[in-house]
Amino acid sequence: MAEEKRFAVLIDIENIAPKYIELIMNEASNYGNITIKRAYGDWTRQSSSTWRGKLLDYSIIPMQQFNNTFGKNSSDSALIIDAMNILYRNNVDGFILVSSDSDFTRLAATLKEEGKVVVGMGESKTPVALRNACDYFKVLDLLYKEANKAQSSKKNQRKKPAQKPKQKKDYDEDAAETTESETMAEASTDLDTIERAIISIIEANGDEDDGMYIGTLGNSLIRRYPDFDTRNYGASKLSKFLEQFDSLQLTKDGDSTYVRLL
């Protein structure tokens, strides 16, 4: 059995809202064993109070950094120094950098150069440079919205008995379509660009008859667009996401799914 990879989670609390903490830790656990968990900020400030309770819940170590200069985020340098110390102790396989701040772009690139897996997490406002410096990038506000929507849907199903469709059904469907479109619009890479990328990847690497295994296609898409995540577009998994494109056809071969061009 392969040894589980070890990761360090480093959070810049001055650029990330505490409401994302459960999502952050759940996503982080998908990559391996989280052996280091630290959050950086000036914990003496009133604005940090909402974060303090979260630290206990998830056993995250607070790293104090006073803001000596007004308007300057001093926790950036503390996080960067810690990351480099962890890197050269060589006791983790990867880093999860949680911030929307472009100041961490060089750090992410350096960690990758040293052979570490780099996962970025931030909001939609995160600059493209930081996203592309990571191996993977998760857009927290989009994932948070999708998770809440799914949770609300499950609660409504439990509470409400099955009912006959009402006259307002068409209106409700239109509203749902609008919400889904808004979610897609917020995703960093538009669907036309993704579709063109899929076509070029299949043309270059796929088999003429069978097409391409969707797992391989998904990895290729992430290498091109580190922030690509099907949940950003309202789809729970890649196969569901691919079904919307008229240029593609999905086929099953046992437990494996393949996609080919039409």
C-alpha atoms as a PDB file:
ATOM      1  CA  MET A   1       0.000   0.000   0.000  1.00  0.00           C
ATOM      2  CA  ALA A   2       1.399   3.405  -1.023  1.00  0.00           C
ATOM      3  CA  GLU A   3       2.297   5.735   1.830  1.00  0.00           C
ATOM      4  CA  GLU A   4      -0.152   8.612   2.256  1.00  0.00           C
ATOM      5  CA  LYS A   5       1.217  12.002   1.226  1.00  0.00           C
ATOM      6  CA  ARG A   6       1.746  14.609   3.933  1.00  0.00           C
ATOM      7  CA  PHE A   7       0.615  18.211   3.510  1.00  0.00           C
ATOM      8  CA  ALA A   8       0.994  21.512   5.326  1.00  0.00           C
ATOM      9  CA  VAL A   9      -2.028  23.836   5.389  1.00  0.00           C
ATOM     10  CA  LEU A  10      -1.028  27.503   5.721  1.00  0.00           C
ATOM     11  CA  ILE A  11      -3.894  30.019   5.995  1.00  0.00           C
ATOM     12  CA  ASP A  12      -3.702  33.788   5.577  1.00  0.00           C
ATOM     13  CA  ILE A  13      -6.661  34.826   7.747  1.00  0.00           C
ATOM     14  CA  GLU A  14      -6.443  38.452   6.608  1.00  0.00           C
ATOM     15  CA  ASN A  15      -7.521  37.374   3.108  1.00  0.00           C
ATOM     16  CA  ILE A  16      -9.903  34.501   3.845  1.00  0.00           C
ATOM     17  CA  ALA A  17     -13.279  34.499   5.648  1.00  0.00           C
ATOM     18  CA  PRO A  18     -13.691  32.033   8.557  1.00  0.00           C
ATOM     19  CA  LYS A  19     -16.910  30.644   7.064  1.00  0.00           C
ATOM     20  CA  TYR A  20     -14.776  28.655   4.612  1.00  0.00           C
ATOM     21  CA  ILE A  21     -12.833  26.707   7.242  1.00  0.00           C
ATOM     22  CA  GLU A  22     -14.857  23.467   7.047  1.00  0.00           C
ATOM     23  CA  LEU A  23     -14.674  23.525   3.263  1.00  0.00           C
ATOM     24  CA  ILE A  24     -10.919  24.244   3.389  1.00  0.00           C
ATOM     25  CA  MET A  25     -10.166  21.322   5.697  1.00  0.00           C
ATOM     26  CA  ASN A  26     -12.462  18.926   3.843  1.00  0.00           C
ATOM     27  CA  GLU A  27     -10.837  19.801   0.516  1.00  0.00           C
ATOM     28  CA  ALA A  28      -7.373  19.556   2.059  1.00  0.00           C
ATOM     29  CA  SER A  29      -8.064  16.042   3.345  1.00  0.00           C
ATOM     30  CA  ASN A  30      -8.651  14.900  -0.251  1.00  0.00           C
ATOM     31  CA  TYR A  31      -4.952  15.287  -0.987  1.00  0.00           C
ATOM     32  CA  GLY A  32      -3.446  13.416   1.943  1.00  0.00           C
ATOM     33  CA  ASN A  33      -2.634  13.561   5.649  1.00  0.00           C
ATOM     34  CA  ILE A  34      -2.560  17.107   7.034  1.00  0.00           C
ATOM     35  CA  THR A  35       0.417  17.095   9.394  1.00  0.00           C
ATOM     36  CA  ILE A  36       0.890  20.878   9.741  1.00  0.00           C
ATOM     37  CA  LYS A  37      -1.985  23.355  10.222  1.00  0.00           C
ATOM     38  CA  ARG A  38      -1.195  27.016  10.803  1.00  0.00           C
ATOM     39  CA  ALA A  39      -3.111  30.290  10.479  1.00  0.00           C
ATOM     40  CA  TYR A  40      -1.329  33.640  10.156  1.00  0.00           C
ATOM     41  CA  GLY A  41      -2.565  37.040  11.246  1.00  0.00           C
ATOM     42  CA  ASP A  42      -2.625  39.644  13.991  1.00  0.00           C
ATOM     43  CA  TRP A  43      -4.681  37.818  16.590  1.00  0.00           C
ATOM     44  CA  THR A  44      -4.842  40.895  18.842  1.00  0.00           C
ATOM     45  CA  ARG A  45      -7.152  42.659  16.395  1.00  0.00           C
ATOM     46  CA  GLN A  46     -10.913  42.589  16.875  1.00  0.00           C
ATOM     47  CA  SER A  47     -11.401  41.540  13.261  1.00  0.00           C
ATOM     48  CA  SER A  48      -9.616  38.239  14.023  1.00  0.00           C
ATOM     49  CA  SER A  49     -12.071  37.242  16.765  1.00  0.00           C
ATOM     50  CA  THR A  50     -14.341  35.214  14.480  1.00  0.00           C
ATOM     51  CA  TRP A  51     -11.374  33.078  13.472  1.00  0.00           C
ATOM     52  CA  ARG A  52     -10.277  32.222  17.015  1.00  0.00           C
ATOM     53  CA  GLY A  53     -13.057  29.717  17.757  1.00  0.00           C
ATOM     54  CA  LYS A  54     -12.430  27.955  14.450  1.00  0.00           C
ATOM     55  CA  LEU A  55      -8.823  27.241  15.377  1.00  0.00           C
ATOM     56  CA  LEU A  56      -9.831  25.072  18.340  1.00  0.00           C
ATOM     57  CA  ASP A  57     -12.364  23.129  16.290  1.00  0.00           C
ATOM     58  CA  TYR A  58      -9.742  22.095  13.727  1.00  0.00           C
ATOM     59  CA  SER A  59      -6.568  22.066  15.890  1.00  0.00           C
ATOM     60  CA  ILE A  60      -4.980  24.846  13.870  1.00  0.00           C
ATOM     61  CA  ILE A  61      -1.994  26.635  15.409  1.00  0.00           C
ATOM     62  CA  PRO A  62      -2.324  30.458  15.404  1.00  0.00           C
ATOM     63  CA  MET A  63       0.838  32.251  14.247  1.00  0.00           C
ATOM     64  CA  GLN A  64       0.942  35.781  15.667  1.00  0.00           C
ATOM     65  CA  GLN A  65       2.253  38.567  13.460  1.00  0.00           C
ATOM     66  CA  PHE A  66       1.791  42.196  14.491  1.00  0.00           C
ATOM     67  CA  ASN A  67       0.957  44.729  11.796  1.00  0.00           C
ATOM     68  CA  ASN A  68       3.810  47.172  12.350  1.00  0.00           C
ATOM     69  CA  THR A  69       2.937  49.235   9.280  1.00  0.00           C
ATOM     70  CA  PHE A  70      -0.575  50.569   8.683  1.00  0.00           C
ATOM     71  CA  GLY A  71      -2.250  49.085   5.608  1.00  0.00           C
ATOM     72  CA  LYS A  72       0.399  46.387   5.128  1.00  0.00           C
ATOM     73  CA  ASN A  73      -0.400  42.688   5.557  1.00  0.00           C
ATOM     74  CA  SER A  74       2.574  41.603   7.677  1.00  0.00           C
ATOM     75  CA  SER A  75       1.345  37.998   7.942  1.00  0.00           C
ATOM     76  CA  ASP A  76       2.442  37.461   4.320  1.00  0.00           C
ATOM     77  CA  SER A  77       6.132  37.463   5.200  1.00  0.00           C
ATOM     78  CA  ALA A  78       5.595  35.221   8.236  1.00  0.00           C
ATOM     79  CA  LEU A  79       3.716  32.644   6.139  1.00  0.00           C
ATOM     80  CA  ILE A  80       6.372  32.717   3.405  1.00  0.00           C
ATOM     81  CA  ILE A  81       9.244  32.280   5.900  1.00  0.00           C
ATOM     82  CA  ASP A  82       7.462  29.374   7.595  1.00  0.00           C
ATOM     83  CA  ALA A  83       6.749  27.707   4.251  1.00  0.00           C
ATOM     84  CA  MET A  84      10.422  27.861   3.279  1.00  0.00           C
ATOM     85  CA  ASN A  85      11.466  26.466   6.675  1.00  0.00           C
ATOM     86  CA  ILE A  86       9.033  23.578   6.276  1.00  0.00           C
ATOM     87  CA  LEU A  87      10.287  23.027   2.722  1.00  0.00           C
ATOM     88  CA  TYR A  88      13.926  22.688   3.745  1.00  0.00           C
ATOM     89  CA  ARG A  89      13.092  20.413   6.661  1.00  0.00           C
ATOM     90  CA  ASN A  90      11.590  18.210   3.927  1.00  0.00           C
ATOM     91  CA  ASN A  91       8.897  16.725   6.153  1.00  0.00           C
ATOM     92  CA  VAL A  92       5.921  17.254   3.815  1.00  0.00           C
ATOM     93  CA  ASP A  93       5.087  16.266   0.243  1.00  0.00           C
ATOM     94  CA  GLY A  94       2.994  19.319  -0.525  1.00  0.00           C
ATOM     95  CA  PHE A  95       1.559  22.636   0.596  1.00  0.00           C
ATOM     96  CA  ILE A  96      -1.977  23.993   0.692  1.00  0.00           C
ATOM     97  CA  LEU A  97      -1.793  27.789   0.534  1.00  0.00           C
ATOM     98  CA  VAL A  98      -5.046  29.470   1.525  1.00  0.00           C
ATOM     99  CA  SER A  99      -5.173  33.102   0.402  1.00  0.00           C
ATOM    100  CA  SER A 100      -6.510  35.338  -2.362  1.00  0.00           C
ATOM    101  CA  ASP A 101      -3.351  37.481  -2.253  1.00  0.00           C
ATOM    102  CA  SER A 102      -1.098  37.608  -5.328  1.00  0.00           C
ATOM    103  CA  ASP A 103       1.924  38.112  -3.037  1.00  0.00           C
ATOM    104  CA  PHE A 104       2.110  34.330  -2.680  1.00  0.00           C
ATOM    105  CA  THR A 105       2.602  33.714  -6.417  1.00  0.00           C
ATOM    106  CA  ARG A 106       6.389  33.494  -6.160  1.00  0.00           C
ATOM    107  CA  LEU A 107       6.147  31.229  -3.110  1.00  0.00           C
ATOM    108  CA  ALA A 108       3.853  28.807  -4.953  1.00  0.00           C
ATOM    109  CA  ALA A 109       6.184  28.750  -7.970  1.00  0.00           C
ATOM    110  CA  THR A 110       9.238  28.127  -5.780  1.00  0.00           C
ATOM    111  CA  LEU A 111       7.587  25.248  -3.919  1.00  0.00           C
ATOM    112  CA  LYS A 112       6.694  23.642  -7.258  1.00  0.00           C
ATOM    113  CA  GLU A 113      10.264  24.057  -8.493  1.00  0.00           C
ATOM    114  CA  GLU A 114      11.389  22.121  -5.421  1.00  0.00           C
ATOM    115  CA  GLY A 115       9.140  19.213  -6.394  1.00  0.00           C
ATOM    116  CA  LYS A 116       6.306  19.823  -3.940  1.00  0.00           C
ATOM    117  CA  VAL A 117       2.609  19.587  -4.798  1.00  0.00           C
ATOM    118  CA  VAL A 118       1.013  23.015  -4.398  1.00  0.00           C
ATOM    119  CA  VAL A 119      -2.730  23.414  -3.859  1.00  0.00           C
ATOM    120  CA  GLY A 120      -4.080  26.958  -3.768  1.00  0.00           C
ATOM    121  CA  MET A 121      -7.390  27.993  -2.236  1.00  0.00           C
ATOM    122  CA  GLY A 122      -8.915  31.448  -2.498  1.00  0.00           C
ATOM    123  CA  GLU A 123     -11.925  33.442  -3.610  1.00  0.00           C
ATOM    124  CA  SER A 124     -12.908  34.386  -7.167  1.00  0.00           C
ATOM    125  CA  LYS A 125     -10.923  37.619  -6.839  1.00  0.00           C
ATOM    126  CA  THR A 126      -7.643  35.651  -6.711  1.00  0.00           C
ATOM    127  CA  PRO A 127      -5.369  36.804  -9.576  1.00  0.00           C
ATOM    128  CA  VAL A 128      -4.747  34.395 -12.443  1.00  0.00           C
ATOM    129  CA  ALA A 129      -0.999  34.499 -11.768  1.00  0.00           C
ATOM    130  CA  LEU A 130      -1.417  32.856  -8.358  1.00  0.00           C
ATOM    131  CA  ARG A 131      -3.914  30.309  -9.678  1.00  0.00           C
ATOM    132  CA  ASN A 132      -1.581  29.223 -12.459  1.00  0.00           C
ATOM    133  CA  ALA A 133       1.412  29.015 -10.111  1.00  0.00           C
ATOM    134  CA  CYS A 134      -0.341  26.152  -8.284  1.00  0.00           C
ATOM    135  CA  ASP A 135      -0.815  22.536  -9.343  1.00  0.00           C
ATOM    136  CA  TYR A 136      -4.465  22.825  -8.301  1.00  0.00           C
ATOM    137  CA  PHE A 137      -6.551  25.809  -7.305  1.00  0.00           C
ATOM    138  CA  LYS A 138      -9.915  25.700  -5.531  1.00  0.00           C
ATOM    139  CA  VAL A 139     -12.287  28.689  -5.768  1.00  0.00           C
ATOM    140  CA  LEU A 140     -13.780  28.748  -2.284  1.00  0.00           C
ATOM    141  CA  ASP A 141     -16.775  31.036  -2.793  1.00  0.00           C
ATOM    142  CA  LEU A 142     -18.035  28.977  -5.751  1.00  0.00           C
ATOM    143  CA  LEU A 143     -17.593  25.680  -3.905  1.00  0.00           C
ATOM    144  CA  TYR A 144     -19.208  27.167  -0.795  1.00  0.00           C
ATOM    145  CA  LYS A 145     -22.227  28.292  -2.822  1.00  0.00           C
ATOM    146  CA  GLU A 146     -22.584  24.884  -4.484  1.00  0.00           C
ATOM    147  CA  ALA A 147     -22.273  23.051  -1.149  1.00  0.00           C
ATOM    148  CA  ASN A 148     -24.940  25.242   0.456  1.00  0.00           C
ATOM    149  CA  LYS A 149     -27.243  24.813  -2.528  1.00  0.00           C
ATOM    150  CA  ALA A 150     -26.903  21.027  -2.351  1.00  0.00           C
ATOM    151  CA  GLN A 151     -27.481  21.036   1.419  1.00  0.00           C
ATOM    152  CA  SER A 152     -30.591  23.223   1.098  1.00  0.00           C
ATOM    153  CA  SER A 153     -31.948  20.931  -1.590  1.00  0.00           C
ATOM    154  CA  LYS A 154     -31.525  17.867   0.654  1.00  0.00           C
ATOM    155  CA  LYS A 155     -33.225  19.635   3.574  1.00  0.00           C
ATOM    156  CA  ASN A 156     -36.172  20.655   1.393  1.00  0.00           C
ATOM    157  CA  GLN A 157     -36.554  17.083   0.131  1.00  0.00           C
ATOM    158  CA  ARG A 158     -36.697  15.793   3.708  1.00  0.00           C
ATOM    159  CA  LYS A 159     -39.168  18.428   4.889  1.00  0.00           C
ATOM    160  CA  LYS A 160     -41.595  18.558   1.975  1.00  0.00           C
ATOM    161  CA  PRO A 161     -43.759  15.625   0.893  1.00  0.00           C
ATOM    162  CA  ALA A 162     -44.074  14.903  -2.798  1.00  0.00           C
ATOM    163  CA  GLN A 163     -46.508  17.336  -4.409  1.00  0.00           C
ATOM    164  CA  LYS A 164     -48.103  17.703  -7.786  1.00  0.00           C
ATOM    165  CA  PRO A 165     -46.491  20.312 -10.040  1.00  0.00           C
ATOM    166  CA  LYS A 166     -48.030  23.761  -9.694  1.00  0.00           C
ATOM    167  CA  GLN A 167     -48.724  26.330 -12.371  1.00  0.00           C
ATOM    168  CA  LYS A 168     -45.606  28.247 -11.296  1.00  0.00           C
ATOM    169  CA  LYS A 169     -43.338  25.345 -12.289  1.00  0.00           C
ATOM    170  CA  ASP A 170     -42.118  26.997 -15.507  1.00  0.00           C
ATOM    171  CA  TYR A 171     -41.227  30.157 -13.589  1.00  0.00           C
ATOM    172  CA  ASP A 172     -39.312  28.172 -10.964  1.00  0.00           C
ATOM    173  CA  GLU A 173     -37.372  26.278 -13.639  1.00  0.00           C
ATOM    174  CA  ASP A 174     -36.381  29.544 -15.290  1.00  0.00           C
ATOM    175  CA  ALA A 175     -35.162  30.859 -11.947  1.00  0.00           C
ATOM    176  CA  ALA A 176     -33.109  27.704 -11.385  1.00  0.00           C
ATOM    177  CA  GLU A 177     -31.567  28.023 -14.845  1.00  0.00           C
ATOM    178  CA  THR A 178     -30.677  31.643 -14.125  1.00  0.00           C
ATOM    179  CA  THR A 179     -28.965  30.688 -10.871  1.00  0.00           C
ATOM    180  CA  GLU A 180     -26.953  27.975 -12.605  1.00  0.00           C
ATOM    181  CA  SER A 181     -25.935  30.377 -15.373  1.00  0.00           C
ATOM    182  CA  GLU A 182     -24.780  32.922 -12.799  1.00  0.00           C
ATOM    183  CA  THR A 183     -22.647  30.255 -11.119  1.00  0.00           C
ATOM    184  CA  MET A 184     -21.048  29.345 -14.452  1.00  0.00           C
ATOM    185  CA  ALA A 185     -20.446  33.000 -15.250  1.00  0.00           C
ATOM    186  CA  GLU A 186     -18.445  33.359 -12.038  1.00  0.00           C
ATOM    187  CA  ALA A 187     -16.137  30.472 -12.958  1.00  0.00           C
ATOM    188  CA  SER A 188     -12.748  31.759 -14.068  1.00  0.00           C
ATOM    189  CA  THR A 189     -12.653  29.928 -17.419  1.00  0.00           C
ATOM    190  CA  ASP A 190     -15.696  30.154 -19.687  1.00  0.00           C
ATOM    191  CA  LEU A 191     -17.323  27.067 -21.181  1.00  0.00           C
ATOM    192  CA  ASP A 192     -16.350  27.871 -24.791  1.00  0.00           C
ATOM    193  CA  THR A 193     -12.693  27.989 -23.787  1.00  0.00           C
ATOM    194  CA  ILE A 194     -13.011  24.724 -21.860  1.00  0.00           C
ATOM    195  CA  GLU A 195     -14.724  23.027 -24.810  1.00  0.00           C
ATOM    196  CA  ARG A 196     -11.980  24.137 -27.219  1.00  0.00           C
ATOM    197  CA  ALA A 197      -9.363  22.835 -24.792  1.00  0.00           C
ATOM    198  CA  ILE A 198     -11.157  19.472 -24.495  1.00  0.00           C
ATOM    199  CA  ILE A 199     -11.309  19.118 -28.278  1.00  0.00           C
ATOM    200  CA  SER A 200      -7.613  19.923 -28.709  1.00  0.00           C
ATOM    201  CA  ILE A 201      -6.612  17.506 -25.919  1.00  0.00           C
ATOM    202  CA  ILE A 202      -8.644  14.639 -27.415  1.00  0.00           C
ATOM    203  CA  GLU A 203      -7.350  15.384 -30.926  1.00  0.00           C
ATOM    204  CA  ALA A 204      -3.762  15.306 -29.676  1.00  0.00           C
ATOM    205  CA  ASN A 205      -3.937  12.376 -27.264  1.00  0.00           C
ATOM    206  CA  GLY A 206      -7.133  10.411 -27.887  1.00  0.00           C
ATOM    207  CA  ASP A 207      -7.673   7.239 -29.883  1.00  0.00           C
ATOM    208  CA  GLU A 208      -9.485   7.756 -33.182  1.00  0.00           C
ATOM    209  CA  ASP A 209     -12.106   5.110 -32.395  1.00  0.00           C
ATOM    210  CA  ASP A 210     -12.357   4.942 -28.607  1.00  0.00           C
ATOM    211  CA  GLY A 211     -11.563   8.543 -27.752  1.00  0.00           C
ATOM    212  CA  MET A 212      -9.954   9.241 -24.374  1.00  0.00           C
ATOM    213  CA  TYR A 213     -10.377   8.031 -20.804  1.00  0.00           C
ATOM    214  CA  ILE A 214     -12.094  10.863 -18.921  1.00  0.00           C
ATOM    215  CA  GLY A 215      -9.718  10.576 -15.958  1.00  0.00           C
ATOM    216  CA  THR A 216      -6.794  11.355 -18.258  1.00  0.00           C
ATOM    217  CA  LEU A 217      -8.773  14.191 -19.841  1.00  0.00           C
ATOM    218  CA  GLY A 218      -9.547  15.637 -16.398  1.00  0.00           C
ATOM    219  CA  ASN A 219      -5.866  15.610 -15.423  1.00  0.00           C
ATOM    220  CA  SER A 220      -4.960  17.369 -18.677  1.00  0.00           C
ATOM    221  CA  LEU A 221      -7.572  20.060 -18.057  1.00  0.00           C
ATOM    222  CA  ILE A 222      -6.263  20.701 -14.536  1.00  0.00           C
ATOM    223  CA  ARG A 223      -2.720  21.049 -15.886  1.00  0.00           C
ATOM    224  CA  ARG A 224      -3.987  23.730 -18.304  1.00  0.00           C
ATOM    225  CA  TYR A 225      -6.361  25.414 -15.849  1.00  0.00           C
ATOM    226  CA  PRO A 226      -5.366  24.726 -12.206  1.00  0.00           C
ATOM    227  CA  ASP A 227      -8.641  26.276 -10.988  1.00  0.00           C
ATOM    228  CA  PHE A 228     -10.770  23.918 -13.109  1.00  0.00           C
ATOM    229  CA  ASP A 229     -13.317  22.120 -10.946  1.00  0.00           C
ATOM    230  CA  THR A 230     -16.584  20.749 -12.326  1.00  0.00           C
ATOM    231  CA  ARG A 231     -18.390  21.954  -9.187  1.00  0.00           C
ATOM    232  CA  ASN A 232     -17.664  25.533 -10.290  1.00  0.00           C
ATOM    233  CA  TYR A 233     -20.039  24.830 -13.192  1.00  0.00           C
ATOM    234  CA  GLY A 234     -22.758  23.105 -11.179  1.00  0.00           C
ATOM    235  CA  ALA A 235     -21.711  19.517 -12.029  1.00  0.00           C
ATOM    236  CA  SER A 236     -20.874  16.989  -9.313  1.00  0.00           C
ATOM    237  CA  LYS A 237     -18.390  15.060 -11.453  1.00  0.00           C
ATOM    238  CA  LEU A 238     -16.589  15.247 -14.781  1.00  0.00           C
ATOM    239  CA  SER A 239     -18.892  12.893 -16.684  1.00  0.00           C
ATOM    240  CA  LYS A 240     -21.916  15.066 -15.822  1.00  0.00           C
ATOM    241  CA  PHE A 241     -20.006  18.178 -16.862  1.00  0.00           C
ATOM    242  CA  LEU A 242     -19.067  16.689 -20.263  1.00  0.00           C
ATOM    243  CA  GLU A 243     -22.660  15.675 -21.080  1.00  0.00           C
ATOM    244  CA  GLN A 244     -23.583  19.298 -21.872  1.00  0.00           C
ATOM    245  CA  PHE A 245     -21.288  19.524 -24.915  1.00  0.00           C
ATOM    246  CA  ASP A 246     -22.839  18.524 -28.268  1.00  0.00           C
ATOM    247  CA  SER A 247     -19.356  17.986 -29.687  1.00  0.00           C
ATOM    248  CA  LEU A 248     -18.665  15.070 -27.324  1.00  0.00           C
ATOM    249  CA  GLN A 249     -19.981  11.560 -26.762  1.00  0.00           C
ATOM    250  CA  LEU A 250     -19.469   9.504 -23.607  1.00  0.00           C
ATOM    251  CA  THR A 251     -19.188   5.715 -23.737  1.00  0.00           C
ATOM    252  CA  LYS A 252     -18.817   3.099 -20.997  1.00  0.00           C
ATOM    253  CA  ASP A 253     -16.401   0.169 -21.024  1.00  0.00           C
ATOM    254  CA  GLY A 254     -16.959  -1.769 -17.829  1.00  0.00           C
ATOM    255  CA  ASP A 255     -16.294   0.621 -14.947  1.00  0.00           C
ATOM    256  CA  SER A 256     -14.416   3.081 -17.184  1.00  0.00           C
ATOM    257  CA  THR A 257     -15.889   6.018 -19.077  1.00  0.00           C
ATOM    258  CA  TYR A 258     -14.425   7.370 -22.313  1.00  0.00           C
ATOM    259  CA  VAL A 259     -15.137  10.535 -24.272  1.00  0.00           C
ATOM    260  CA  ARG A 260     -14.731  10.982 -28.002  1.00  0.00           C
ATOM    261  CA  LEU A 261     -15.376  13.694 -30.546  1.00  0.00           C
ATOM    262  CA  LEU A 262     -18.496  13.618 -32.720  1.00  0.00           C
END
